[in-house]
């Protein structure tokens, strides 16, 4: 699992996956790695 702070796409940004984004997402899928956006999680546990 890969935990990211602000997600992969920014609000209002074009969500078309091209070039480097495609390579990064393919690598995650190939190695069966989940991408979790931590901005949905509470800051303090």
Protein backbone atom coordinates (compact mmCIF):
# COMPACT_ATOMS: atom_id res chain seq x y z
CA UNK A 1 0.00 0.00 0.00
CA UNK A 2 1.23 3.48 -0.87
CA UNK A 3 -0.15 6.29 1.28
CA UNK A 4 -0.19 9.77 -0.29
CA UNK A 5 -1.03 13.02 1.46
CA UNK A 6 -2.98 14.90 -1.22
CA UNK A 7 -4.02 12.27 -3.71
CA UNK A 8 -2.83 11.75 -7.25
CA UNK A 9 -4.91 14.40 -9.04
CA UNK A 10 -5.56 17.94 -7.86
CA UNK A 11 -9.05 19.39 -7.93
CA UNK A 12 -9.76 20.98 -11.29
CA UNK A 13 -6.78 19.24 -12.92
CA UNK A 14 -7.28 17.25 -16.11
CA UNK A 15 -7.55 13.60 -15.01
CA UNK A 16 -6.41 12.20 -18.34
CA UNK A 17 -3.64 9.70 -17.67
CA UNK A 18 -0.71 10.27 -20.04
CA UNK A 19 3.06 9.69 -20.19
CA UNK A 20 4.63 9.68 -16.70
CA UNK A 21 1.30 9.27 -14.89
CA UNK A 22 0.60 6.20 -17.01
CA UNK A 23 4.01 4.68 -16.19
CA UNK A 24 3.54 5.29 -12.47
CA UNK A 25 0.02 3.84 -12.35
CA UNK A 26 1.09 0.84 -14.46
CA UNK A 27 3.92 0.16 -11.99
CA UNK A 28 1.48 0.21 -9.07
CA UNK A 29 -0.92 -2.14 -10.84
CA UNK A 30 1.84 -4.49 -12.01
CA UNK A 31 3.10 -4.91 -8.43
CA UNK A 32 -0.44 -5.00 -6.96
CA UNK A 33 0.17 -1.88 -4.85
CA UNK A 34 -2.85 0.06 -3.56
CA UNK A 35 -2.82 3.87 -3.60
CA UNK A 36 -4.57 5.41 -0.58
CA UNK A 37 -5.34 9.12 -0.31
CA UNK A 38 -4.69 10.16 3.29
CA UNK A 39 -6.56 13.48 3.13
CA UNK A 40 -9.69 11.43 3.81
CA UNK A 41 -8.20 10.13 7.06
CA UNK A 42 -8.18 12.05 10.34
CA UNK A 43 -4.89 13.86 11.02
CA UNK A 44 -4.74 12.61 14.60
CA UNK A 45 -5.60 9.13 15.69
